[in-house]
Amino acid sequence: MEKKTKAAEPEGKLMIDVILSSEIIVDSYGKLTYAIKEAISVGEIEKLKQFHSKYLYFFEKSFKRLNKSEKEFIRRWIDDKKGAVHERINESADR
């Protein structure tokens, strides 16, 4: 039996695309973490930035579930001019 997230995902579309195009986000952190991991694996930096800006709270909660190399990828590419993203991400990683 397929999971609901797979059934709702159109063929060939990344999970992060499905989430970004949704009006309502019902979070199961597993789904969001999967979307972030999938976007990292294909190098979708702009989509990660969009996801971060649109769903900051969920992004930061899902960040805790990433492995070390994925966290480094995020730290390297998702940045704002004030460096606030790095500070928040570093704080959440330390918890």
Protein backbone atom coordinates (compact mmCIF):
# COMPACT_ATOMS: atom_id res chain seq x y z
CA MET A 1 0.00 0.00 0.00
CA GLU A 2 1.41 3.36 -1.02
CA LYS A 3 1.63 6.24 1.40
CA LYS A 4 -0.68 9.20 0.91
CA THR A 5 2.20 11.49 0.06
CA LYS A 6 3.21 9.29 -2.85
CA ALA A 7 -0.35 9.04 -4.15
CA ALA A 8 -0.73 12.83 -4.12
CA GLU A 9 2.62 13.41 -5.80
CA PRO A 10 2.30 13.80 -9.60
CA GLU A 11 4.64 11.64 -11.64
CA GLY A 12 8.10 13.18 -12.06
CA LYS A 13 7.45 16.09 -9.71
CA LEU A 14 9.60 16.65 -6.64
CA MET A 15 7.90 16.58 -3.25
CA ILE A 16 9.14 20.11 -2.57
CA ASP A 17 7.26 21.30 -5.69
CA VAL A 18 4.07 19.73 -4.37
CA ILE A 19 4.53 21.39 -0.98
CA LEU A 20 5.38 24.80 -2.45
CA SER A 21 2.32 24.74 -4.70
CA SER A 22 -0.01 23.74 -1.87
CA GLU A 23 -2.22 26.33 -0.23
CA ILE A 24 -2.29 24.47 3.09
CA ILE A 25 0.56 22.53 4.61
CA VAL A 26 -0.32 19.67 6.87
CA ASP A 27 2.93 18.74 8.46
CA SER A 28 4.25 15.40 9.15
CA TYR A 29 7.91 16.20 9.64
CA GLY A 30 8.83 13.03 7.81
CA LYS A 31 7.24 14.35 4.63
CA LEU A 32 8.90 17.75 4.95
CA THR A 33 12.26 16.23 5.79
CA TYR A 34 11.91 13.92 2.79
CA ALA A 35 11.17 16.93 0.57
CA ILE A 36 14.25 18.78 1.84
CA LYS A 37 16.49 15.73 1.41
CA GLU A 38 15.13 15.15 -2.09
CA ALA A 39 15.73 18.80 -3.08
CA ILE A 40 19.28 18.65 -1.68
CA SER A 41 20.03 15.47 -3.63
CA VAL A 42 19.09 17.11 -6.94
CA GLY A 43 20.57 20.51 -6.04
CA GLU A 44 17.36 22.55 -6.03
CA ILE A 45 18.80 25.51 -4.12
CA GLU A 46 16.17 28.04 -5.21
CA LYS A 47 13.34 25.75 -4.17
CA LEU A 48 14.98 25.20 -0.80
CA LYS A 49 15.22 28.98 -0.38
CA GLN A 50 11.53 29.34 -1.30
CA PHE A 51 10.58 26.60 1.12
CA HIS A 52 12.66 28.24 3.84
CA SER A 53 11.07 31.65 3.34
CA LYS A 54 7.51 30.32 3.00
CA TYR A 55 7.58 27.77 5.84
CA LEU A 56 10.36 28.96 8.17
CA TYR A 57 9.03 27.22 11.28
CA PHE A 58 8.59 23.84 9.55
CA PHE A 59 11.93 24.20 7.77
CA GLU A 60 13.78 24.74 11.02
CA LYS A 61 12.00 21.84 12.74
CA SER A 62 12.81 19.53 9.83
CA PHE A 63 16.43 20.72 9.80
CA LYS A 64 17.05 18.76 13.01
CA ARG A 65 16.32 15.52 11.18
CA LEU A 66 18.94 16.02 8.45
CA ASN A 67 22.32 14.34 8.50
CA LYS A 68 25.57 16.29 8.84
CA SER A 69 26.32 16.65 5.13
CA GLU A 70 22.77 17.83 4.39
CA LYS A 71 22.99 20.42 7.17
CA GLU A 72 26.28 21.66 5.71
CA PHE A 73 24.67 21.95 2.28
CA ILE A 74 21.89 24.07 3.80
CA ARG A 75 24.34 26.24 5.72
CA ARG A 76 26.37 26.83 2.56
CA TRP A 77 23.52 27.74 0.22
CA ILE A 78 20.64 29.14 2.23
CA ASP A 79 21.79 32.51 3.36
CA ASP A 80 20.38 35.95 3.89
CA LYS A 81 22.23 39.25 3.97
CA LYS A 82 22.21 39.53 7.75
CA GLY A 83 23.32 35.96 8.43
CA ALA A 84 20.21 35.36 10.54
CA VAL A 85 19.50 32.04 8.85
CA HIS A 86 22.88 30.70 9.88
CA GLU A 87 22.37 31.80 13.45
CA ARG A 88 18.95 30.14 13.71
CA ILE A 89 20.17 26.96 12.02
CA ASN A 90 23.23 26.75 14.25
CA GLU A 91 21.07 27.26 17.34
CA SER A 92 18.63 24.53 16.30
CA ALA A 93 21.50 22.14 15.54
CA ASP A 94 22.93 22.67 19.01
CA ARG A 95 19.69 21.69 20.76
